[in-house]
Protein backbone atom coordinates (compact mmCIF):
# COMPACT_ATOMS: atom_id res chain seq x y z
CA MET A 1 127.51 -10.33 48.07
CA PHE A 2 127.77 -13.98 49.20
CA PRO A 3 130.41 -15.19 45.99
CA LEU A 4 129.76 -19.16 46.77
CA ALA A 5 131.16 -22.05 44.28
CA ALA A 6 127.50 -22.59 43.74
CA VAL A 7 124.61 -21.37 41.44
CA VAL A 8 121.86 -20.35 43.09
CA PHE A 9 118.31 -20.45 40.94
CA PRO A 10 115.03 -18.31 42.60
CA THR A 11 112.30 -20.17 44.32
CA THR A 12 115.08 -22.73 45.31
CA GLY A 13 117.04 -23.24 48.46
CA LEU A 14 120.16 -23.32 49.55
CA PRO A 15 121.49 -23.75 53.31
CA LEU A 16 124.90 -22.13 54.15
CA HIS A 17 127.52 -22.54 57.28
CA VAL A 18 128.82 -19.26 57.87
CA PHE A 19 131.74 -19.09 59.62
CA GLU A 20 134.14 -16.61 58.43
CA ARG A 21 134.31 -13.36 59.88
CA ARG A 22 133.85 -10.99 57.08
CA TYR A 23 130.56 -13.57 56.57
CA GLN A 24 129.58 -13.14 59.93
CA CYS A 25 129.52 -10.16 59.28
CA LEU A 26 127.43 -9.77 56.54
CA ALA A 27 125.07 -11.97 58.48
CA ARG A 28 124.26 -9.64 61.31
CA ASP A 29 123.94 -6.52 58.99
CA VAL A 30 121.58 -8.58 56.78
CA MET A 31 119.77 -10.23 59.40
CA SER A 32 119.04 -6.62 61.43
CA GLY A 33 117.67 -5.46 57.63
CA THR A 34 115.86 -6.91 54.79
CA GLY A 35 116.92 -10.47 55.27
CA GLU A 36 118.42 -10.42 51.47
CA PHE A 37 121.49 -10.54 50.22
CA GLY A 38 123.14 -11.66 46.73
CA ILE A 39 124.84 -14.60 45.86
CA CYS A 40 127.00 -15.63 42.58
CA LEU A 41 129.26 -18.36 41.78
CA ILE A 42 133.33 -17.84 41.92
CA SER A 43 134.83 -18.73 38.80
CA ARG A 44 138.42 -18.79 39.94
CA GLY A 45 139.46 -18.82 43.12
CA CYS A 46 137.77 -20.40 46.46
CA GLU A 47 134.91 -19.07 48.61
CA VAL A 48 137.43 -18.65 51.60
CA GLY A 49 140.10 -15.54 52.12
CA GLY A 50 138.90 -13.45 49.44
CA GLY A 51 140.93 -12.97 46.22
CA ASP A 52 138.42 -15.03 43.90
CA GLU A 53 136.74 -14.07 40.79
CA ARG A 54 133.46 -14.01 40.19
CA VAL A 55 130.84 -13.54 37.69
CA ASP A 56 128.07 -11.16 36.93
CA VAL A 57 124.92 -12.67 36.99
CA GLY A 58 123.75 -13.94 40.88
CA THR A 59 120.41 -14.77 42.53
CA ARG A 60 119.33 -12.27 44.92
CA VAL A 61 117.94 -14.75 48.33
CA HIS A 62 115.85 -13.76 51.74
CA ILE A 63 117.02 -15.95 54.60
CA GLU A 64 114.12 -17.90 56.17
CA LEU A 65 115.50 -19.29 58.62
CA ALA A 66 119.00 -18.72 60.70
CA ALA A 67 120.47 -21.08 63.33
CA PRO A 68 123.28 -19.76 65.67
CA LEU A 69 125.97 -22.42 66.74
CA GLY A 70 127.80 -20.31 68.36
CA GLU A 71 131.11 -18.35 68.22
CA GLU A 72 129.23 -15.99 66.22
CA ARG A 73 128.65 -19.12 63.32
CA TRP A 74 125.21 -19.25 61.43
CA ILE A 75 123.28 -22.10 59.73
CA LEU A 76 121.48 -19.82 57.21
CA VAL A 77 118.48 -21.52 54.93
CA THR A 78 117.48 -19.05 52.11
CA LYS A 79 115.24 -18.94 48.84
CA GLY A 80 116.45 -17.33 45.77
CA ILE A 81 114.11 -14.61 44.87
CA GLU A 82 115.19 -13.13 41.94
CA ARG A 83 117.93 -13.15 39.50
CA ILE A 84 120.61 -10.31 39.52
CA ARG A 85 123.13 -8.48 37.51
CA VAL A 86 126.08 -7.08 39.22
CA LEU A 87 126.99 -3.52 37.68
CA GLU A 88 129.79 -2.63 39.37
CA TRP A 89 131.75 -4.77 42.19
CA LEU A 90 132.47 -2.29 45.31
CA GLU A 91 135.23 -2.86 47.59
CA ASP A 92 135.42 -5.65 49.65
CA ASP A 93 134.56 -3.88 52.96
CA PRO A 94 134.28 -5.45 55.35
CA TYR A 95 132.45 -8.11 52.23
CA PRO A 96 132.11 -8.35 49.52
CA ARG A 97 129.78 -5.53 47.96
CA ALA A 98 127.94 -4.55 44.54
CA ARG A 99 125.17 -2.21 43.16
CA VAL A 100 122.96 -4.83 41.14
CA GLN A 101 119.51 -4.72 39.27
CA ALA A 102 117.30 -7.22 38.95
CA MET A 103 116.79 -9.35 35.69
CA PRO A 104 113.13 -10.54 35.09
CA VAL A 105 112.57 -13.25 33.10
CA SER A 106 111.15 -12.70 29.69
CA GLY A 107 108.58 -13.66 27.25
CA GLY A 108 108.61 -17.32 26.29
CA GLY A 109 107.03 -19.04 29.00
CA ALA A 110 107.20 -22.60 29.61
CA THR A 111 104.61 -25.17 28.57
CA ARG A 112 103.31 -28.07 30.61
CA ASP A 113 104.33 -30.65 28.02
CA LEU A 114 107.98 -28.69 27.76
CA VAL A 115 108.23 -28.84 31.77
CA ALA A 116 107.07 -32.79 31.48
CA SER A 117 109.60 -33.74 29.11
CA THR A 118 112.67 -32.33 30.25
CA PHE A 119 111.34 -33.41 34.13
CA ARG A 120 111.30 -36.96 32.38
CA ALA A 121 115.06 -36.09 31.10
CA VAL A 122 116.02 -34.71 34.35
CA LYS A 123 115.08 -37.69 36.26
CA ALA A 124 116.51 -40.42 33.77
CA LEU A 125 120.18 -38.63 34.22
CA ARG A 126 119.63 -38.69 38.11
CA ARG A 127 119.29 -42.08 37.97
CA LEU A 128 122.29 -42.99 35.77
CA TYR A 129 124.17 -40.57 37.45
CA SER A 130 123.33 -42.11 40.92
CA GLU A 131 125.24 -45.22 39.29
CA PHE A 132 127.96 -44.31 37.77
CA ALA A 133 129.52 -41.92 40.62
CA ASP A 134 129.87 -43.29 43.75
CA GLY A 135 128.65 -41.47 46.74
CA TRP A 136 127.12 -38.96 44.39
CA SER A 137 123.84 -37.05 46.54
CA SER A 138 121.60 -34.53 44.79
CA PRO A 139 119.05 -32.04 46.57
CA CYS A 140 116.08 -34.41 46.69
CA VAL A 141 113.30 -32.53 44.62
CA ASP A 142 110.32 -33.70 44.40
CA LEU A 143 108.37 -31.58 41.54
CA GLN A 144 104.40 -31.85 40.95
CA LEU A 145 103.81 -30.88 37.50
CA GLU A 146 100.34 -28.94 39.12
CA GLU A 147 102.76 -26.44 40.45
CA SER A 148 103.07 -22.63 39.57
CA LEU A 149 105.14 -22.99 35.98
CA ASP A 150 107.09 -20.37 37.00
CA ALA A 151 108.78 -22.31 39.48
CA ALA A 152 109.02 -25.48 37.54
CA PRO A 153 111.87 -24.10 35.43
CA TRP A 154 114.03 -23.71 38.28
CA MET A 155 113.13 -26.14 40.42
CA LEU A 156 113.86 -28.44 37.21
CA CYS A 157 117.38 -26.88 37.05
CA ALA A 158 118.42 -27.10 40.38
CA MET A 159 117.74 -30.84 41.00
CA SER A 160 119.71 -31.65 38.07
CA PRO A 161 123.14 -33.37 38.57
CA LEU A 162 125.26 -30.67 35.73
CA SER A 163 127.96 -28.76 35.93
CA LEU A 164 128.36 -25.26 37.62
CA SER A 165 129.23 -24.05 34.53
CA ASP A 166 126.43 -25.32 32.70
CA LEU A 167 123.78 -24.66 35.55
CA GLN A 168 125.65 -20.74 35.65
CA ILE A 169 124.52 -21.06 31.68
CA LEU A 170 120.80 -21.82 32.41
CA LEU A 171 120.76 -19.02 35.34
CA GLU A 172 121.64 -16.44 32.19
CA VAL A 173 118.81 -18.19 29.76
CA THR A 174 116.74 -15.12 29.72
CA ASP A 175 112.66 -17.32 28.72
CA ASP A 176 111.69 -20.40 30.56
CA TYR A 177 110.89 -22.13 27.29
CA SER A 178 114.60 -21.80 26.16
CA ARG A 179 116.06 -22.27 29.62
CA LEU A 180 113.74 -25.75 29.59
CA SER A 181 114.74 -27.15 25.82
CA LEU A 182 118.49 -26.02 26.88
CA LEU A 183 118.05 -28.12 30.10
CA ARG A 184 116.64 -31.10 28.72
CA GLU A 185 119.26 -31.13 25.73
CA LEU A 186 121.97 -31.29 28.52
CA CYS A 187 120.40 -33.63 30.31
CA ASP A 188 120.30 -36.06 27.18
CA ALA A 189 124.13 -35.47 26.08
CA LYS A 190 125.24 -36.06 29.64
CA ARG A 191 122.91 -39.14 30.03
CA LYS A 192 124.77 -40.51 26.54
CA ASP A 193 127.54 -39.71 27.04
CA LEU A 194 127.38 -41.98 30.58
CA GLU A 195 125.85 -45.04 28.93
CA ASP A 196 128.45 -44.59 26.45
CA VAL A 197 131.35 -44.82 29.45
CA LEU A 198 128.86 -47.65 31.18
CA ARG A 199 129.07 -49.56 28.26
CA LEU A 200 132.94 -49.59 27.05
CA SER A 201 133.48 -50.48 30.78
CA ASP A 202 131.37 -53.41 30.67
CA GLN A 203 132.86 -54.66 27.26
CA GLY A 204 136.46 -54.08 29.04
């Protein structure tokens, strides 16, 4: 397991800079085996040094590309495969480990209309956020509605500028229809909050 201050969604990518000794060991073991490991959000603490608190729902990822940097450091390009739930955390020796089970998405699939309306909500928030948050950057995701409806909900979650806690909630939602409905609701609420702040700022 690789606990991070990040939420990773199935079908979406995440680059990792591996420099800490325990994760160098994890990378060696993983690359000599299946190329897969789990990523979960750190709920409290920091990524380096251990002693962190972790959530129990994360994502199994696969290493798509591994680039050595020297001194056993790596740039890993990973891609999410499926959600996982931690059943038991094991001893962090030599790196975080856990017993997990897969968490398939249940019924309540996405519709094309819901994907389109959620896409508009996400894009509207991204545009506003880029003006409001100086220096903010977000993964550039060009979503084509012709793509698989199975991948679209995850891609929309990944490209939304929401808090880590909101993203974790979206990861844990059991079906795509509810996930997209909640994502649209969160984006609309965040956009209205930012518009109110900008309006008050203009008035001042």
